[in-house]
Amino acid sequence: MLGTLGATEVAAGARMISGEVARHRPVLVNGIPGHMSWRPDGTPVFVIAFTVAEGRITGIHIVVDPAKLASIHLPAPS
């Protein structure tokens, strides 16, 4: 089930994440285009994967849960 966040929650989350990000870059996530960010110590902050169909983004999947990030194979920061 997907939830909907209000503007305050989204802004607070963006502010929190932007302060922690030291490195970020495009990546492939299970073979699909995405973007990933890491803290200065190399710990992943979040990964975003984009589902693309017919040249358009049809889905966006975001993982920020540290336990989930730790359980998947992710590229190292470069």
N, C-alpha and C. Protein backbone atom coordinates (compact mmCIF):
# COMPACT_ATOMS: atom_id res chain seq x y z
N MET A 1 0.84 -1.17 0.00
CA MET A 1 0.00 0.00 0.00
C MET A 1 0.89 1.24 0.00
N LEU A 2 0.54 2.20 -0.82
CA LEU A 2 1.29 3.44 -0.89
C LEU A 2 0.60 4.49 -0.04
N GLY A 3 1.41 5.32 0.60
CA GLY A 3 0.86 6.40 1.38
C GLY A 3 1.11 7.73 0.69
N THR A 4 0.41 8.73 1.10
CA THR A 4 0.60 10.07 0.56
C THR A 4 1.10 10.96 1.67
N LEU A 5 2.17 11.69 1.37
CA LEU A 5 2.73 12.61 2.35
C LEU A 5 2.31 14.03 2.01
N GLY A 6 2.12 14.84 3.04
CA GLY A 6 1.84 16.25 2.83
C GLY A 6 3.12 17.01 2.56
N ALA A 7 2.98 18.27 2.18
CA ALA A 7 4.12 19.11 1.82
C ALA A 7 5.12 19.23 2.97
N THR A 8 4.65 19.32 4.18
CA THR A 8 5.55 19.46 5.34
C THR A 8 6.42 18.24 5.51
N GLU A 9 5.82 17.04 5.40
CA GLU A 9 6.59 15.80 5.54
C GLU A 9 7.61 15.65 4.40
N VAL A 10 7.20 15.97 3.19
CA VAL A 10 8.11 15.87 2.04
C VAL A 10 9.27 16.85 2.21
N ALA A 11 8.99 18.08 2.60
CA ALA A 11 10.05 19.07 2.78
C ALA A 11 11.00 18.67 3.90
N ALA A 12 10.47 18.15 4.99
CA ALA A 12 11.32 17.71 6.10
C ALA A 12 12.22 16.56 5.67
N GLY A 13 11.68 15.61 4.93
CA GLY A 13 12.47 14.48 4.44
C GLY A 13 13.55 14.94 3.47
N ALA A 14 13.22 15.84 2.57
CA ALA A 14 14.20 16.35 1.61
C ALA A 14 15.31 17.11 2.33
N ARG A 15 14.94 17.89 3.32
CA ARG A 15 15.94 18.65 4.08
C ARG A 15 16.86 17.70 4.83
N MET A 16 16.30 16.65 5.43
CA MET A 16 17.11 15.69 6.17
C MET A 16 18.08 14.98 5.23
N ILE A 17 17.57 14.49 4.11
CA ILE A 17 18.41 13.75 3.17
C ILE A 17 19.47 14.65 2.55
N SER A 18 19.12 15.87 2.18
CA SER A 18 20.09 16.74 1.51
C SER A 18 21.26 17.08 2.41
N GLY A 19 21.04 17.13 3.72
CA GLY A 19 22.12 17.42 4.64
C GLY A 19 23.07 16.25 4.83
N GLU A 20 22.63 15.03 4.53
CA GLU A 20 23.43 13.84 4.75
C GLU A 20 24.19 13.38 3.52
N VAL A 21 23.82 13.87 2.36
CA VAL A 21 24.37 13.36 1.11
C VAL A 21 25.74 13.95 0.85
N ALA A 22 26.70 13.07 0.64
CA ALA A 22 28.04 13.51 0.27
C ALA A 22 28.32 13.20 -1.19
N ARG A 23 27.81 12.07 -1.65
CA ARG A 23 28.02 11.64 -3.04
C ARG A 23 26.71 11.14 -3.61
N HIS A 24 26.54 11.35 -4.89
CA HIS A 24 25.37 10.81 -5.56
C HIS A 24 25.71 10.63 -7.03
N ARG A 25 25.02 9.67 -7.66
CA ARG A 25 25.26 9.44 -9.08
C ARG A 25 24.18 8.54 -9.66
N PRO A 26 24.04 8.56 -10.98
CA PRO A 26 23.12 7.63 -11.62
C PRO A 26 23.64 6.21 -11.48
N VAL A 27 22.74 5.25 -11.34
CA VAL A 27 23.10 3.83 -11.21
C VAL A 27 22.04 2.99 -11.92
N LEU A 28 22.37 1.73 -12.14
CA LEU A 28 21.37 0.76 -12.57
C LEU A 28 20.93 -0.01 -11.33
N VAL A 29 19.62 -0.12 -11.15
CA VAL A 29 19.05 -0.84 -10.02
C VAL A 29 18.28 -2.02 -10.60
N ASN A 30 18.82 -3.22 -10.40
CA ASN A 30 18.22 -4.41 -11.01
C ASN A 30 18.00 -4.22 -12.51
N GLY A 31 18.95 -3.56 -13.15
CA GLY A 31 18.90 -3.38 -14.60
C GLY A 31 18.06 -2.21 -15.08
N ILE A 32 17.47 -1.45 -14.16
CA ILE A 32 16.69 -0.29 -14.60
C ILE A 32 17.36 0.99 -14.09
N PRO A 33 17.15 2.12 -14.81
CA PRO A 33 17.82 3.36 -14.43
C PRO A 33 17.41 3.84 -13.05
N GLY A 34 18.38 4.41 -12.35
CA GLY A 34 18.10 4.93 -11.02
C GLY A 34 19.11 5.97 -10.60
N HIS A 35 19.04 6.33 -9.35
CA HIS A 35 19.94 7.33 -8.77
C HIS A 35 20.19 6.91 -7.33
N MET A 36 21.41 7.12 -6.86
CA MET A 36 21.76 6.71 -5.51
C MET A 36 22.59 7.77 -4.83
N SER A 37 22.44 7.88 -3.51
CA SER A 37 23.21 8.83 -2.72
C SER A 37 23.79 8.13 -1.49
N TRP A 38 24.97 8.59 -1.08
CA TRP A 38 25.69 8.04 0.08
C TRP A 38 26.08 9.15 1.03
N ARG A 39 26.21 8.78 2.32
CA ARG A 39 26.75 9.69 3.34
C ARG A 39 28.27 9.78 3.15
N PRO A 40 28.91 10.73 3.82
CA PRO A 40 30.37 10.86 3.70
C PRO A 40 31.13 9.58 4.08
N ASP A 41 30.55 8.75 4.97
CA ASP A 41 31.25 7.52 5.37
C ASP A 41 30.99 6.34 4.43
N GLY A 42 30.25 6.57 3.33
CA GLY A 42 29.97 5.52 2.36
C GLY A 42 28.68 4.76 2.59
N THR A 43 27.96 5.07 3.66
CA THR A 43 26.69 4.42 3.96
C THR A 43 25.62 4.94 2.99
N PRO A 44 24.85 4.04 2.36
CA PRO A 44 23.81 4.52 1.45
C PRO A 44 22.72 5.29 2.19
N VAL A 45 22.26 6.38 1.58
CA VAL A 45 21.17 7.19 2.15
C VAL A 45 19.86 6.80 1.48
N PHE A 46 19.86 6.71 0.15
CA PHE A 46 18.67 6.30 -0.57
C PHE A 46 19.03 5.83 -1.97
N VAL A 47 18.12 5.06 -2.53
CA VAL A 47 18.22 4.65 -3.92
C VAL A 47 16.84 4.86 -4.54
N ILE A 48 16.85 5.39 -5.75
CA ILE A 48 15.61 5.63 -6.49
C ILE A 48 15.73 4.84 -7.80
N ALA A 49 14.70 4.09 -8.15
CA ALA A 49 14.67 3.36 -9.42
C ALA A 49 13.46 3.85 -10.22
N PHE A 50 13.66 4.03 -11.51
CA PHE A 50 12.61 4.53 -12.39
C PHE A 50 12.17 3.43 -13.34
N THR A 51 10.89 3.11 -13.36
CA THR A 51 10.33 2.20 -14.35
C THR A 51 10.02 3.04 -15.58
N VAL A 52 10.53 2.62 -16.74
CA VAL A 52 10.35 3.38 -17.97
C VAL A 52 9.64 2.51 -19.00
N ALA A 53 8.62 3.05 -19.62
CA ALA A 53 7.90 2.36 -20.69
C ALA A 53 7.66 3.35 -21.82
N GLU A 54 8.04 2.95 -23.01
CA GLU A 54 7.86 3.78 -24.20
C GLU A 54 8.46 5.17 -24.02
N GLY A 55 9.64 5.21 -23.39
CA GLY A 55 10.34 6.47 -23.23
C GLY A 55 9.82 7.39 -22.13
N ARG A 56 8.89 6.91 -21.33
CA ARG A 56 8.33 7.73 -20.25
C ARG A 56 8.50 7.02 -18.91
N ILE A 57 8.71 7.81 -17.87
CA ILE A 57 8.77 7.25 -16.52
C ILE A 57 7.34 6.90 -16.11
N THR A 58 7.14 5.63 -15.80
CA THR A 58 5.81 5.17 -15.40
C THR A 58 5.74 4.77 -13.93
N GLY A 59 6.90 4.73 -13.29
CA GLY A 59 6.92 4.39 -11.87
C GLY A 59 8.22 4.85 -11.24
N ILE A 60 8.14 5.25 -10.00
CA ILE A 60 9.32 5.66 -9.24
C ILE A 60 9.30 4.88 -7.93
N HIS A 61 10.40 4.18 -7.65
CA HIS A 61 10.51 3.38 -6.44
C HIS A 61 11.67 3.93 -5.62
N ILE A 62 11.40 4.28 -4.38
CA ILE A 62 12.41 4.90 -3.51
C ILE A 62 12.60 4.02 -2.27
N VAL A 63 13.86 3.73 -1.97
CA VAL A 63 14.18 2.96 -0.76
C VAL A 63 15.05 3.84 0.13
N VAL A 64 14.59 4.09 1.35
CA VAL A 64 15.35 4.87 2.33
C VAL A 64 15.57 4.11 3.63
N ASP A 65 14.89 2.99 3.79
CA ASP A 65 15.01 2.18 5.01
C ASP A 65 16.41 1.57 5.09
N PRO A 66 17.21 1.92 6.12
CA PRO A 66 18.57 1.40 6.22
C PRO A 66 18.65 -0.13 6.18
N ALA A 67 17.68 -0.83 6.79
CA ALA A 67 17.70 -2.29 6.77
C ALA A 67 17.50 -2.83 5.35
N LYS A 68 16.61 -2.22 4.60
CA LYS A 68 16.39 -2.66 3.21
C LYS A 68 17.60 -2.33 2.36
N LEU A 69 18.17 -1.13 2.55
CA LEU A 69 19.37 -0.76 1.79
C LEU A 69 20.51 -1.74 2.06
N ALA A 70 20.63 -2.16 3.31
CA ALA A 70 21.71 -3.08 3.69
C ALA A 70 21.49 -4.48 3.11
N SER A 71 20.25 -4.82 2.78
CA SER A 71 19.95 -6.17 2.31
C SER A 71 20.05 -6.34 0.80
N ILE A 72 20.25 -5.25 0.06
CA ILE A 72 20.34 -5.37 -1.40
C ILE A 72 21.75 -5.02 -1.87
N HIS A 73 22.12 -5.58 -3.02
CA HIS A 73 23.45 -5.31 -3.58
C HIS A 73 23.42 -3.93 -4.22
N LEU A 74 24.26 -3.05 -3.72
CA LEU A 74 24.31 -1.67 -4.22
C LEU A 74 25.73 -1.34 -4.65
N PRO A 75 25.87 -0.47 -5.64
CA PRO A 75 27.22 -0.07 -6.04
C PRO A 75 27.87 0.78 -4.95
N ALA A 76 29.19 0.78 -4.94
CA ALA A 76 29.94 1.60 -3.99
C ALA A 76 29.99 3.04 -4.50
N PRO A 77 30.12 4.00 -3.58
CA PRO A 77 30.25 5.38 -4.03
C PRO A 77 31.51 5.54 -4.85
N SER A 78 31.46 6.44 -5.81
CA SER A 78 32.67 6.65 -6.63
C SER A 78 33.16 8.07 -6.49
